[in-house]
């Protein structure tokens, strides 16, 4: 059986090959082709095009999308797996994407063809969760603003929230979405002594130590609202003008998930009018952030360049996690992260040890 891995600038070919090579010892022919970009920013720009326009928006170079006969498994991180690509891969049974989102995969078409699509939930959950805590603290304690002022040779202790700088202890933090990232954030917040509530209509099980509430309750009760939902057609602009109006005027909004979950213009207006105290944002509708973007001029927002999930550990671990998922998929293990409801159809003779 052949496995084609498509590496990228974040996950270099040598690293991907090294991790996937474990499967060669089990009878899988592994080939890695590189989807090259000169810089990480170039890759981020292409990734944003794909996330907004779909996997057919940006075709892969011919040298990557050729000679697909016999390829039963394709593993990618950011590279698009489009309808034309899938049509060429007549033997394809499984597509593995090494992140939680699958916007770069033509999932509907793969489903029509009976091809299983599998993601890697939680592969950078700890990276995003840790960054979320940093964003919360930077915004409420004015860490980034004070740093910027001192670098400009200005000593000041006056900031938009100077009259009411809070501590996290005994404050209510609302998590919109309660998946792997949010659950880690919840644990960190518990160590700070925070009261954690969450909204997630898809969550099943015991949410402790968080308490599940409605979105309206969460927005009205929280001192900090942190976004951790998946971006779908249903969740697009989940937080808009109406939802921002439900928040406390002393509250802040944090988004280290996806830009589309929040109506960016509505957030700008809420910050300008001081209807909420502040925000901390790592993701934007247009990336790189334009130099004339209103966020840059606002004094009550902390902004970072889409770096929440980008740690060396997250990228290294994603390939390793995928190897385990691929092995389990071939061996018929039930508990694998299939996102399109199609179980991988491998022959019994392809089972691995």
C-alpha atoms as a PDB file:
ATOM      1  CA  UNK A   1       0.000   0.000   0.000  1.00  0.00           C
ATOM      2  CA  UNK A   2       1.211   3.508  -0.810  1.00  0.00           C
ATOM      3  CA  UNK A   3       1.008   6.513   1.491  1.00  0.00           C
ATOM      4  CA  UNK A   4       1.635   9.993   0.112  1.00  0.00           C
ATOM      5  CA  UNK A   5       2.557  12.654   2.619  1.00  0.00           C
ATOM      6  CA  UNK A   6       2.507  16.301   1.541  1.00  0.00           C
ATOM      7  CA  UNK A   7       4.735  18.419   3.761  1.00  0.00           C
ATOM      8  CA  UNK A   8       4.828  22.208   4.032  1.00  0.00           C
ATOM      9  CA  UNK A   9       6.928  25.032   5.432  1.00  0.00           C
ATOM     10  CA  UNK A  10       5.624  24.484   8.962  1.00  0.00           C
ATOM     11  CA  UNK A  11       6.161  20.711   8.780  1.00  0.00           C
ATOM     12  CA  UNK A  12       9.318  20.109   6.712  1.00  0.00           C
ATOM     13  CA  UNK A  13       9.666  17.082   4.454  1.00  0.00           C
ATOM     14  CA  UNK A  14      12.498  15.525   6.455  1.00  0.00           C
ATOM     15  CA  UNK A  15      10.516  15.682   9.700  1.00  0.00           C
ATOM     16  CA  UNK A  16       7.372  14.282   8.077  1.00  0.00           C
ATOM     17  CA  UNK A  17       9.345  11.513   6.387  1.00  0.00           C
ATOM     18  CA  UNK A  18      11.099  10.602   9.621  1.00  0.00           C
ATOM     19  CA  UNK A  19       7.839  10.262  11.552  1.00  0.00           C
ATOM     20  CA  UNK A  20       5.918   8.445   8.802  1.00  0.00           C
ATOM     21  CA  UNK A  21       8.847   6.070   8.169  1.00  0.00           C
ATOM     22  CA  UNK A  22       7.631   3.956  11.091  1.00  0.00           C
ATOM     23  CA  UNK A  23       4.871   2.729   8.778  1.00  0.00           C
ATOM     24  CA  UNK A  24       7.417   1.496   6.202  1.00  0.00           C
ATOM     25  CA  UNK A  25       8.498  -1.205   8.651  1.00  0.00           C
ATOM     26  CA  UNK A  26       4.892  -2.393   8.587  1.00  0.00           C
ATOM     27  CA  UNK A  27       4.636  -2.752   4.815  1.00  0.00           C
ATOM     28  CA  UNK A  28       3.525   0.723   3.725  1.00  0.00           C
ATOM     29  CA  UNK A  29       5.428   2.463   0.919  1.00  0.00           C
ATOM     30  CA  UNK A  30       5.824   6.062   2.157  1.00  0.00           C
ATOM     31  CA  UNK A  31       6.564   8.967  -0.175  1.00  0.00           C
ATOM     32  CA  UNK A  32       6.728  12.617   0.915  1.00  0.00           C
ATOM     33  CA  UNK A  33       6.326  15.517  -1.521  1.00  0.00           C
ATOM     34  CA  UNK A  34       6.839  19.112  -0.432  1.00  0.00           C
ATOM     35  CA  UNK A  35       4.345  21.948  -0.943  1.00  0.00           C
ATOM     36  CA  UNK A  36       6.901  24.739  -0.912  1.00  0.00           C
ATOM     37  CA  UNK A  37       6.635  28.396   0.092  1.00  0.00           C
ATOM     38  CA  UNK A  38       9.445  30.911   0.427  1.00  0.00           C
ATOM     39  CA  UNK A  39       8.237  32.123   3.824  1.00  0.00           C
ATOM     40  CA  UNK A  40       5.783  31.163   6.547  1.00  0.00           C
ATOM     41  CA  UNK A  41       3.777  34.287   5.694  1.00  0.00           C
ATOM     42  CA  UNK A  42       3.353  33.022   2.118  1.00  0.00           C
ATOM     43  CA  UNK A  43       2.022  29.729   3.482  1.00  0.00           C
ATOM     44  CA  UNK A  44      -0.312  31.543   5.863  1.00  0.00           C
ATOM     45  CA  UNK A  45      -1.683  33.632   2.992  1.00  0.00           C
ATOM     46  CA  UNK A  46      -2.364  30.524   0.893  1.00  0.00           C
ATOM     47  CA  UNK A  47      -3.894  28.798   3.893  1.00  0.00           C
ATOM     48  CA  UNK A  48      -6.276  31.713   4.416  1.00  0.00           C
ATOM     49  CA  UNK A  49      -7.290  31.576   0.731  1.00  0.00           C
ATOM     50  CA  UNK A  50      -8.103  27.900   1.122  1.00  0.00           C
ATOM     51  CA  UNK A  51      -9.966  28.383   4.398  1.00  0.00           C
ATOM     52  CA  UNK A  52     -12.163  31.092   2.898  1.00  0.00           C
ATOM     53  CA  UNK A  53     -12.553  29.723  -0.636  1.00  0.00           C
ATOM     54  CA  UNK A  54     -12.240  25.974  -0.180  1.00  0.00           C
ATOM     55  CA  UNK A  55      -9.632  23.403  -1.302  1.00  0.00           C
ATOM     56  CA  UNK A  56     -10.390  23.878  -5.007  1.00  0.00           C
ATOM     57  CA  UNK A  57      -9.311  27.539  -4.767  1.00  0.00           C
ATOM     58  CA  UNK A  58      -5.598  26.763  -4.929  1.00  0.00           C
ATOM     59  CA  UNK A  59      -4.495  23.732  -6.981  1.00  0.00           C
ATOM     60  CA  UNK A  60      -1.347  21.900  -6.004  1.00  0.00           C
ATOM     61  CA  UNK A  61       1.611  22.007  -8.416  1.00  0.00           C
ATOM     62  CA  UNK A  62       1.640  19.212 -11.012  1.00  0.00           C
ATOM     63  CA  UNK A  63       4.722  17.617  -9.487  1.00  0.00           C
ATOM     64  CA  UNK A  64       2.761  17.023  -6.266  1.00  0.00           C
ATOM     65  CA  UNK A  65      -0.591  16.033  -7.775  1.00  0.00           C
ATOM     66  CA  UNK A  66       0.792  13.519 -10.299  1.00  0.00           C
ATOM     67  CA  UNK A  67       1.359   9.739 -10.310  1.00  0.00           C
ATOM     68  CA  UNK A  68      -1.366   8.953  -7.763  1.00  0.00           C
ATOM     69  CA  UNK A  69      -2.051   5.402  -8.933  1.00  0.00           C
ATOM     70  CA  UNK A  70      -1.917   2.989  -6.017  1.00  0.00           C
ATOM     71  CA  UNK A  71      -1.993   5.738  -3.370  1.00  0.00           C
ATOM     72  CA  UNK A  72      -4.365   4.472  -0.685  1.00  0.00           C
ATOM     73  CA  UNK A  73      -3.585   7.061   1.986  1.00  0.00           C
ATOM     74  CA  UNK A  74      -2.847  10.779   1.716  1.00  0.00           C
ATOM     75  CA  UNK A  75      -1.587  12.702   4.744  1.00  0.00           C
ATOM     76  CA  UNK A  76      -1.353  16.507   4.741  1.00  0.00           C
ATOM     77  CA  UNK A  77      -1.238  19.423   7.127  1.00  0.00           C
ATOM     78  CA  UNK A  78      -2.087  22.609   5.192  1.00  0.00           C
ATOM     79  CA  UNK A  79      -1.864  21.375   1.585  1.00  0.00           C
ATOM     80  CA  UNK A  80      -5.222  21.330  -0.240  1.00  0.00           C
ATOM     81  CA  UNK A  81      -6.777  17.997  -1.190  1.00  0.00           C
ATOM     82  CA  UNK A  82      -9.239  19.124  -3.851  1.00  0.00           C
ATOM     83  CA  UNK A  83     -11.921  17.371  -5.884  1.00  0.00           C
ATOM     84  CA  UNK A  84      -9.636  17.078  -8.960  1.00  0.00           C
ATOM     85  CA  UNK A  85      -6.884  15.615  -6.755  1.00  0.00           C
ATOM     86  CA  UNK A  86      -9.282  13.024  -5.332  1.00  0.00           C
ATOM     87  CA  UNK A  87     -10.568  12.169  -8.818  1.00  0.00           C
ATOM     88  CA  UNK A  88      -7.000  11.380  -9.894  1.00  0.00           C
ATOM     89  CA  UNK A  89      -6.397   9.148  -6.859  1.00  0.00           C
ATOM     90  CA  UNK A  90      -8.595   6.220  -7.862  1.00  0.00           C
ATOM     91  CA  UNK A  91      -7.283   3.932  -5.090  1.00  0.00           C
ATOM     92  CA  UNK A  92      -7.613   6.460  -2.279  1.00  0.00           C
ATOM     93  CA  UNK A  93      -9.272   5.146   0.873  1.00  0.00           C
ATOM     94  CA  UNK A  94      -8.127   7.513   3.616  1.00  0.00           C
ATOM     95  CA  UNK A  95      -7.210  11.207   3.877  1.00  0.00           C
ATOM     96  CA  UNK A  96      -5.496  12.266   7.088  1.00  0.00           C
ATOM     97  CA  UNK A  97      -5.183  15.950   7.960  1.00  0.00           C
ATOM     98  CA  UNK A  98      -2.702  16.746  10.705  1.00  0.00           C
ATOM     99  CA  UNK A  99      -4.740  19.394  12.479  1.00  0.00           C
ATOM    100  CA  UNK A 100      -8.238  19.752  13.878  1.00  0.00           C
ATOM    101  CA  UNK A 101      -9.748  21.740  11.002  1.00  0.00           C
ATOM    102  CA  UNK A 102     -10.273  20.166   7.586  1.00  0.00           C
ATOM    103  CA  UNK A 103     -11.030  23.255   5.512  1.00  0.00           C
ATOM    104  CA  UNK A 104      -8.269  22.224   3.088  1.00  0.00           C
ATOM    105  CA  UNK A 105      -9.981  18.927   2.288  1.00  0.00           C
ATOM    106  CA  UNK A 106     -12.863  18.423  -0.166  1.00  0.00           C
ATOM    107  CA  UNK A 107     -14.695  16.506   2.551  1.00  0.00           C
ATOM    108  CA  UNK A 108     -18.101  16.330   0.833  1.00  0.00           C
ATOM    109  CA  UNK A 109     -16.633  14.909  -2.364  1.00  0.00           C
ATOM    110  CA  UNK A 110     -14.454  12.452  -0.440  1.00  0.00           C
ATOM    111  CA  UNK A 111     -17.579  11.281   1.380  1.00  0.00           C
ATOM    112  CA  UNK A 112     -19.395  10.771  -1.936  1.00  0.00           C
ATOM    113  CA  UNK A 113     -16.472   8.614  -3.101  1.00  0.00           C
ATOM    114  CA  UNK A 114     -16.522   6.543   0.106  1.00  0.00           C
ATOM    115  CA  UNK A 115     -13.184   7.926   1.262  1.00  0.00           C
ATOM    116  CA  UNK A 116     -12.623   8.337   4.982  1.00  0.00           C
ATOM    117  CA  UNK A 117     -11.390  11.719   6.245  1.00  0.00           C
ATOM    118  CA  UNK A 118      -9.570  11.745   9.554  1.00  0.00           C
ATOM    119  CA  UNK A 119      -8.239  14.724  11.512  1.00  0.00           C
ATOM    120  CA  UNK A 120      -5.821  15.089  14.423  1.00  0.00           C
ATOM    121  CA  UNK A 121      -7.809  16.644  17.257  1.00  0.00           C
ATOM    122  CA  UNK A 122      -5.811  18.217  20.032  1.00  0.00           C
ATOM    123  CA  UNK A 123      -2.456  18.090  18.224  1.00  0.00           C
ATOM    124  CA  UNK A 124      -1.715  21.725  19.136  1.00  0.00           C
ATOM    125  CA  UNK A 125      -4.273  22.026  21.918  1.00  0.00           C
ATOM    126  CA  UNK A 126      -1.696  22.675  24.622  1.00  0.00           C
ATOM    127  CA  UNK A 127       0.082  25.295  22.507  1.00  0.00           C
ATOM    128  CA  UNK A 128      -3.171  27.196  21.889  1.00  0.00           C
ATOM    129  CA  UNK A 129      -4.307  26.809  25.495  1.00  0.00           C
ATOM    130  CA  UNK A 130      -1.041  28.177  26.866  1.00  0.00           C
ATOM    131  CA  UNK A 131      -1.147  31.089  24.425  1.00  0.00           C
ATOM    132  CA  UNK A 132      -4.752  31.790  25.416  1.00  0.00           C
ATOM    133  CA  UNK A 133      -3.699  32.175  29.034  1.00  0.00           C
ATOM    134  CA  UNK A 134      -0.914  34.500  27.934  1.00  0.00           C
ATOM    135  CA  UNK A 135      -3.361  36.602  25.915  1.00  0.00           C
ATOM    136  CA  UNK A 136      -5.778  36.851  28.844  1.00  0.00           C
ATOM    137  CA  UNK A 137      -3.056  37.967  31.229  1.00  0.00           C
ATOM    138  CA  UNK A 138      -1.471  40.337  28.694  1.00  0.00           C
ATOM    139  CA  UNK A 139      -4.792  42.105  28.149  1.00  0.00           C
ATOM    140  CA  UNK A 140      -6.136  42.388  31.695  1.00  0.00           C
ATOM    141  CA  UNK A 141      -2.717  43.219  33.225  1.00  0.00           C
ATOM    142  CA  UNK A 142      -1.557  45.516  30.376  1.00  0.00           C
ATOM    143  CA  UNK A 143       1.650  43.543  29.863  1.00  0.00           C
ATOM    144  CA  UNK A 144       1.958  44.148  26.111  1.00  0.00           C
ATOM    145  CA  UNK A 145       0.882  47.788  26.366  1.00  0.00           C
ATOM    146  CA  UNK A 146       3.382  48.530  29.138  1.00  0.00           C
ATOM    147  CA  UNK A 147       6.142  46.786  27.167  1.00  0.00           C
ATOM    148  CA  UNK A 148       5.375  48.838  24.044  1.00  0.00           C
ATOM    149  CA  UNK A 149       5.381  52.092  26.011  1.00  0.00           C
ATOM    150  CA  UNK A 150       8.678  51.340  27.722  1.00  0.00           C
ATOM    151  CA  UNK A 151      10.283  50.376  24.395  1.00  0.00           C
ATOM    152  CA  UNK A 152       9.177  53.830  23.217  1.00  0.00           C
ATOM    153  CA  UNK A 153      10.885  55.323  26.298  1.00  0.00           C
ATOM    154  CA  UNK A 154       7.575  56.200  27.964  1.00  0.00           C
ATOM    155  CA  UNK A 155       6.926  55.285  31.601  1.00  0.00           C
ATOM    156  CA  UNK A 156       3.193  55.091  32.221  1.00  0.00           C
ATOM    157  CA  UNK A 157       0.794  53.286  34.488  1.00  0.00           C
ATOM    158  CA  UNK A 158      -2.312  54.688  32.837  1.00  0.00           C
ATOM    159  CA  UNK A 159      -4.280  52.294  30.615  1.00  0.00           C
ATOM    160  CA  UNK A 160      -7.916  51.900  29.483  1.00  0.00           C
ATOM    161  CA  UNK A 161      -8.685  49.588  32.420  1.00  0.00           C
ATOM    162  CA  UNK A 162      -6.518  51.323  35.023  1.00  0.00           C
ATOM    163  CA  UNK A 163      -9.487  52.055  37.279  1.00  0.00           C
ATOM    164  CA  UNK A 164     -10.405  48.368  37.577  1.00  0.00           C
ATOM    165  CA  UNK A 165      -7.521  46.022  36.778  1.00  0.00           C
ATOM    166  CA  UNK A 166      -8.765  42.558  37.801  1.00  0.00           C
ATOM    167  CA  UNK A 167      -7.216  39.352  39.055  1.00  0.00           C
ATOM    168  CA  UNK A 168      -8.313  35.982  37.706  1.00  0.00           C
ATOM    169  CA  UNK A 169      -9.089  34.646  41.175  1.00  0.00           C
ATOM    170  CA  UNK A 170     -12.878  34.360  41.680  1.00  0.00           C
ATOM    171  CA  UNK A 171     -13.608  35.877  38.264  1.00  0.00           C
ATOM    172  CA  UNK A 172     -15.969  34.105  35.877  1.00  0.00           C
ATOM    173  CA  UNK A 173     -14.429  33.002  32.599  1.00  0.00           C
ATOM    174  CA  UNK A 174     -16.721  31.786  29.813  1.00  0.00           C
ATOM    175  CA  UNK A 175     -15.400  29.335  27.241  1.00  0.00           C
ATOM    176  CA  UNK A 176     -17.310  29.282  23.953  1.00  0.00           C
ATOM    177  CA  UNK A 177     -16.662  25.727  22.786  1.00  0.00           C
ATOM    178  CA  UNK A 178     -15.464  23.028  25.159  1.00  0.00           C
ATOM    179  CA  UNK A 179     -13.142  20.818  23.161  1.00  0.00           C
ATOM    180  CA  UNK A 180      -9.529  19.865  23.830  1.00  0.00           C
ATOM    181  CA  UNK A 181      -8.175  23.441  23.934  1.00  0.00           C
ATOM    182  CA  UNK A 182     -10.934  24.788  26.155  1.00  0.00           C
ATOM    183  CA  UNK A 183     -10.641  21.892  28.583  1.00  0.00           C
ATOM    184  CA  UNK A 184      -6.926  22.592  29.022  1.00  0.00           C
ATOM    185  CA  UNK A 185      -7.670  26.303  29.491  1.00  0.00           C
ATOM    186  CA  UNK A 186     -10.261  25.331  32.089  1.00  0.00           C
ATOM    187  CA  UNK A 187      -7.628  23.415  34.049  1.00  0.00           C
ATOM    188  CA  UNK A 188      -5.239  26.353  33.969  1.00  0.00           C
ATOM    189  CA  UNK A 189      -7.984  28.725  35.071  1.00  0.00           C
ATOM    190  CA  UNK A 190      -8.903  26.452  37.953  1.00  0.00           C
ATOM    191  CA  UNK A 191      -5.329  26.832  39.209  1.00  0.00           C
ATOM    192  CA  UNK A 192      -5.868  30.609  39.130  1.00  0.00           C
ATOM    193  CA  UNK A 193      -9.031  30.242  41.197  1.00  0.00           C
ATOM    194  CA  UNK A 194     -11.440  31.240  38.421  1.00  0.00           C
ATOM    195  CA  UNK A 195     -15.051  30.148  38.076  1.00  0.00           C
ATOM    196  CA  UNK A 196     -15.362  28.533  34.633  1.00  0.00           C
ATOM    197  CA  UNK A 197     -18.563  28.223  32.609  1.00  0.00           C
ATOM    198  CA  UNK A 198     -18.812  26.910  29.060  1.00  0.00           C
ATOM    199  CA  UNK A 199     -21.152  26.810  26.082  1.00  0.00           C
ATOM    200  CA  UNK A 200     -20.974  23.825  23.748  1.00  0.00           C
ATOM    201  CA  UNK A 201     -24.147  22.229  22.384  1.00  0.00           C
ATOM    202  CA  UNK A 202     -22.100  19.306  21.019  1.00  0.00           C
ATOM    203  CA  UNK A 203     -20.241  18.400  24.207  1.00  0.00           C
ATOM    204  CA  UNK A 204     -21.070  15.045  25.758  1.00  0.00           C
ATOM    205  CA  UNK A 205     -19.929  13.817  29.140  1.00  0.00           C
ATOM    206  CA  UNK A 206     -19.023  15.430  32.427  1.00  0.00           C
ATOM    207  CA  UNK A 207     -17.800  19.039  31.885  1.00  0.00           C
ATOM    208  CA  UNK A 208     -16.401  19.405  35.424  1.00  0.00           C
ATOM    209  CA  UNK A 209     -14.808  21.572  36.637  1.00  0.00           C
ATOM    210  CA  UNK A 210     -16.678  23.817  34.178  1.00  0.00           C
ATOM    211  CA  UNK A 211     -20.447  24.273  34.214  1.00  0.00           C
ATOM    212  CA  UNK A 212     -22.323  24.146  30.902  1.00  0.00           C
ATOM    213  CA  UNK A 213     -24.663  27.087  30.314  1.00  0.00           C
ATOM    214  CA  UNK A 214     -26.440  28.745  27.392  1.00  0.00           C
ATOM    215  CA  UNK A 215     -24.529  31.220  25.231  1.00  0.00           C
ATOM    216  CA  UNK A 216     -26.688  34.055  26.547  1.00  0.00           C
ATOM    217  CA  UNK A 217     -25.900  33.122  30.177  1.00  0.00           C
ATOM    218  CA  UNK A 218     -22.214  32.835  29.405  1.00  0.00           C
ATOM    219  CA  UNK A 219     -21.983  36.236  27.738  1.00  0.00           C
ATOM    220  CA  UNK A 220     -23.914  38.054  30.460  1.00  0.00           C
ATOM    221  CA  UNK A 221     -22.107  36.410  33.400  1.00  0.00           C
ATOM    222  CA  UNK A 222     -18.488  36.274  32.229  1.00  0.00           C
ATOM    223  CA  UNK A 223     -15.698  38.681  33.102  1.00  0.00           C
ATOM    224  CA  UNK A 224     -13.669  37.096  30.307  1.00  0.00           C
ATOM    225  CA  UNK A 225     -15.105  35.395  27.213  1.00  0.00           C
ATOM    226  CA  UNK A 226     -12.671  33.121  25.360  1.00  0.00           C
ATOM    227  CA  UNK A 227     -13.531  31.605  21.964  1.00  0.00           C
ATOM    228  CA  UNK A 228     -12.673  27.944  21.279  1.00  0.00           C
ATOM    229  CA  UNK A 229     -15.407  26.717  18.909  1.00  0.00           C
ATOM    230  CA  UNK A 230     -14.907  25.128  15.508  1.00  0.00           C
ATOM    231  CA  UNK A 231     -15.680  27.339  12.512  1.00  0.00           C
ATOM    232  CA  UNK A 232     -18.590  25.963  10.490  1.00  0.00           C
ATOM    233  CA  UNK A 233     -21.398  27.504   8.458  1.00  0.00           C
ATOM    234  CA  UNK A 234     -23.500  27.430  11.618  1.00  0.00           C
ATOM    235  CA  UNK A 235     -20.872  29.050  13.860  1.00  0.00           C
ATOM    236  CA  UNK A 236     -19.785  31.790  11.435  1.00  0.00           C
ATOM    237  CA  UNK A 237     -20.068  35.131  13.290  1.00  0.00           C
ATOM    238  CA  UNK A 238     -21.299  33.276  16.357  1.00  0.00           C
ATOM    239  CA  UNK A 239     -20.263  36.391  18.263  1.00  0.00           C
ATOM    240  CA  UNK A 240     -21.724  39.469  16.588  1.00  0.00           C
ATOM    241  CA  UNK A 241     -23.174  42.819  17.552  1.00  0.00           C
ATOM    242  CA  UNK A 242     -26.068  41.293  19.494  1.00  0.00           C
ATOM    243  CA  UNK A 243     -23.810  38.927  21.440  1.00  0.00           C
ATOM    244  CA  UNK A 244     -21.231  41.613  22.228  1.00  0.00           C
ATOM    245  CA  UNK A 245     -24.037  43.764  23.614  1.00  0.00           C
ATOM    246  CA  UNK A 246     -24.829  40.996  26.127  1.00  0.00           C
ATOM    247  CA  UNK A 247     -21.349  41.178  27.663  1.00  0.00           C
ATOM    248  CA  UNK A 248     -20.483  43.140  30.779  1.00  0.00           C
ATOM    249  CA  UNK A 249     -18.959  46.566  30.037  1.00  0.00           C
ATOM    250  CA  UNK A 250     -15.991  45.465  32.197  1.00  0.00           C
ATOM    251  CA  UNK A 251     -15.484  42.210  30.260  1.00  0.00           C
ATOM    252  CA  UNK A 252     -12.889  41.288  27.637  1.00  0.00           C
ATOM    253  CA  UNK A 253     -13.149  39.003  24.601  1.00  0.00           C
ATOM    254  CA  UNK A 254     -10.326  36.626  23.644  1.00  0.00           C
ATOM    255  CA  UNK A 255     -10.081  34.832  20.284  1.00  0.00           C
ATOM    256  CA  UNK A 256      -7.268  32.370  19.598  1.00  0.00           C
ATOM    257  CA  UNK A 257      -9.510  30.085  17.499  1.00  0.00           C
ATOM    258  CA  UNK A 258     -10.784  31.284  14.097  1.00  0.00           C
ATOM    259  CA  UNK A 259     -11.456  34.840  12.967  1.00  0.00           C
ATOM    260  CA  UNK A 260     -14.760  33.921  11.349  1.00  0.00           C
ATOM    261  CA  UNK A 261     -16.269  33.023  14.713  1.00  0.00           C
ATOM    262  CA  UNK A 262     -16.375  36.731  15.596  1.00  0.00           C
ATOM    263  CA  UNK A 263     -17.828  39.571  13.526  1.00  0.00           C
ATOM    264  CA  UNK A 264     -14.642  41.612  13.287  1.00  0.00           C
ATOM    265  CA  UNK A 265     -16.370  44.891  12.439  1.00  0.00           C
ATOM    266  CA  UNK A 266     -18.823  44.472  15.310  1.00  0.00           C
ATOM    267  CA  UNK A 267     -15.901  43.899  17.686  1.00  0.00           C
ATOM    268  CA  UNK A 268     -14.145  47.022  16.391  1.00  0.00           C
ATOM    269  CA  UNK A 269     -17.258  49.108  17.044  1.00  0.00           C
ATOM    270  CA  UNK A 270     -17.737  47.621  20.520  1.00  0.00           C
ATOM    271  CA  UNK A 271     -14.124  48.457  21.426  1.00  0.00           C
ATOM    272  CA  UNK A 272     -14.328  51.953  19.969  1.00  0.00           C
ATOM    273  CA  UNK A 273     -17.497  52.685  21.912  1.00  0.00           C
ATOM    274  CA  UNK A 274     -16.037  51.071  25.078  1.00  0.00           C
ATOM    275  CA  UNK A 275     -19.074  48.781  25.264  1.00  0.00           C
ATOM    276  CA  UNK A 276     -16.605  46.143  26.462  1.00  0.00           C
ATOM    277  CA  UNK A 277     -13.330  46.928  28.210  1.00  0.00           C
ATOM    278  CA  UNK A 278     -10.964  45.126  25.878  1.00  0.00           C
ATOM    279  CA  UNK A 279     -10.045  42.208  23.655  1.00  0.00           C
ATOM    280  CA  UNK A 280      -7.123  39.939  22.826  1.00  0.00           C
ATOM    281  CA  UNK A 281      -7.036  38.585  19.273  1.00  0.00           C
ATOM    282  CA  UNK A 282      -4.641  36.242  17.460  1.00  0.00           C
ATOM    283  CA  UNK A 283      -6.667  35.642  14.265  1.00  0.00           C
ATOM    284  CA  UNK A 284      -7.949  38.096  11.670  1.00  0.00           C
ATOM    285  CA  UNK A 285     -10.178  38.225   8.603  1.00  0.00           C
ATOM    286  CA  UNK A 286      -7.219  39.440   6.537  1.00  0.00           C
ATOM    287  CA  UNK A 287      -3.735  38.122   7.253  1.00  0.00           C
ATOM    288  CA  UNK A 288      -1.156  39.527   7.441  1.00  0.00           C
ATOM    289  CA  UNK A 289      -3.018  42.293   9.263  1.00  0.00           C
ATOM    290  CA  UNK A 290      -3.150  45.409   7.041  1.00  0.00           C
ATOM    291  CA  UNK A 291      -1.127  48.331   8.370  1.00  0.00           C
ATOM    292  CA  UNK A 292      -4.213  50.562   8.350  1.00  0.00           C
ATOM    293  CA  UNK A 293      -6.427  48.082  10.211  1.00  0.00           C
ATOM    294  CA  UNK A 294      -8.523  49.667  13.016  1.00  0.00           C
ATOM    295  CA  UNK A 295      -7.189  47.145  15.552  1.00  0.00           C
ATOM    296  CA  UNK A 296      -3.762  48.786  15.298  1.00  0.00           C
ATOM    297  CA  UNK A 297      -5.130  52.168  16.360  1.00  0.00           C
ATOM    298  CA  UNK A 298      -7.247  50.911  19.259  1.00  0.00           C
ATOM    299  CA  UNK A 299      -5.715  51.178  22.722  1.00  0.00           C
ATOM    300  CA  UNK A 300      -7.893  48.498  24.344  1.00  0.00           C
ATOM    301  CA  UNK A 301      -6.858  45.419  22.384  1.00  0.00           C
ATOM    302  CA  UNK A 302      -3.883  43.040  22.448  1.00  0.00           C
ATOM    303  CA  UNK A 303      -3.044  41.600  19.026  1.00  0.00           C
ATOM    304  CA  UNK A 304      -0.617  38.874  17.942  1.00  0.00           C
ATOM    305  CA  UNK A 305       0.258  37.514  14.503  1.00  0.00           C
ATOM    306  CA  UNK A 306      -1.674  34.190  14.422  1.00  0.00           C
ATOM    307  CA  UNK A 307       0.896  32.384  16.536  1.00  0.00           C
ATOM    308  CA  UNK A 308      -1.199  30.553  19.150  1.00  0.00           C
ATOM    309  CA  UNK A 309      -0.719  27.049  17.758  1.00  0.00           C
ATOM    310  CA  UNK A 310       2.787  27.462  16.373  1.00  0.00           C
ATOM    311  CA  UNK A 311       5.215  25.662  18.654  1.00  0.00           C
ATOM    312  CA  UNK A 312       7.900  23.179  17.680  1.00  0.00           C
ATOM    313  CA  UNK A 313       6.268  20.580  19.909  1.00  0.00           C
ATOM    314  CA  UNK A 314       2.872  20.924  18.212  1.00  0.00           C
ATOM    315  CA  UNK A 315       4.233  20.434  14.683  1.00  0.00           C
ATOM    316  CA  UNK A 316       6.510  17.588  15.746  1.00  0.00           C
ATOM    317  CA  UNK A 317       3.742  15.752  17.557  1.00  0.00           C
ATOM    318  CA  UNK A 318       1.134  16.094  14.797  1.00  0.00           C
ATOM    319  CA  UNK A 319       2.906  13.643  12.468  1.00  0.00           C
ATOM    320  CA  UNK A 320       3.489  11.231  15.325  1.00  0.00           C
ATOM    321  CA  UNK A 321      -0.172  11.316  16.305  1.00  0.00           C
ATOM    322  CA  UNK A 322      -1.235  10.739  12.701  1.00  0.00           C
ATOM    323  CA  UNK A 323       0.941   7.629  12.471  1.00  0.00           C
ATOM    324  CA  UNK A 324      -0.988   6.158  15.380  1.00  0.00           C
ATOM    325  CA  UNK A 325      -4.339   7.074  13.827  1.00  0.00           C
ATOM    326  CA  UNK A 326      -3.350   5.550  10.461  1.00  0.00           C
ATOM    327  CA  UNK A 327      -2.226   2.330  12.128  1.00  0.00           C
ATOM    328  CA  UNK A 328      -5.502   2.097  14.049  1.00  0.00           C
ATOM    329  CA  UNK A 329      -7.550   2.871  10.925  1.00  0.00           C
ATOM    330  CA  UNK A 330      -5.925   0.064   8.956  1.00  0.00           C
ATOM    331  CA  UNK A 331      -6.337  -2.350  11.848  1.00  0.00           C
ATOM    332  CA  UNK A 332     -10.037  -1.617  12.187  1.00  0.00           C
ATOM    333  CA  UNK A 333      -9.881   0.087  15.575  1.00  0.00           C
ATOM    334  CA  UNK A 334     -13.213   1.794  16.257  1.00  0.00           C
ATOM    335  CA  UNK A 335     -11.932   4.801  18.183  1.00  0.00           C
ATOM    336  CA  UNK A 336     -10.328   6.878  15.430  1.00  0.00           C
ATOM    337  CA  UNK A 337     -11.008  10.565  14.614  1.00  0.00           C
ATOM    338  CA  UNK A 338     -13.092  10.127  11.433  1.00  0.00           C
ATOM    339  CA  UNK A 339     -14.913  13.395  10.699  1.00  0.00           C
ATOM    340  CA  UNK A 340     -17.116  12.427   7.744  1.00  0.00           C
ATOM    341  CA  UNK A 341     -18.769   9.257   9.007  1.00  0.00           C
ATOM    342  CA  UNK A 342     -16.995   6.977   6.502  1.00  0.00           C
ATOM    343  CA  UNK A 343     -15.055   4.108   8.036  1.00  0.00           C
ATOM    344  CA  UNK A 344     -11.797   3.279   6.215  1.00  0.00           C
ATOM    345  CA  UNK A 345     -12.295   0.251   3.961  1.00  0.00           C
ATOM    346  CA  UNK A 346      -8.989  -1.635   4.117  1.00  0.00           C
ATOM    347  CA  UNK A 347      -8.661  -5.317   3.204  1.00  0.00           C
ATOM    348  CA  UNK A 348      -7.906  -7.797   5.955  1.00  0.00           C
ATOM    349  CA  UNK A 349      -4.578  -8.523   4.292  1.00  0.00           C
ATOM    350  CA  UNK A 350      -3.524  -4.928   4.869  1.00  0.00           C
ATOM    351  CA  UNK A 351      -3.812  -5.155   8.640  1.00  0.00           C
ATOM    352  CA  UNK A 352      -0.630  -4.125  10.411  1.00  0.00           C
ATOM    353  CA  UNK A 353       1.152  -5.498  13.417  1.00  0.00           C
END
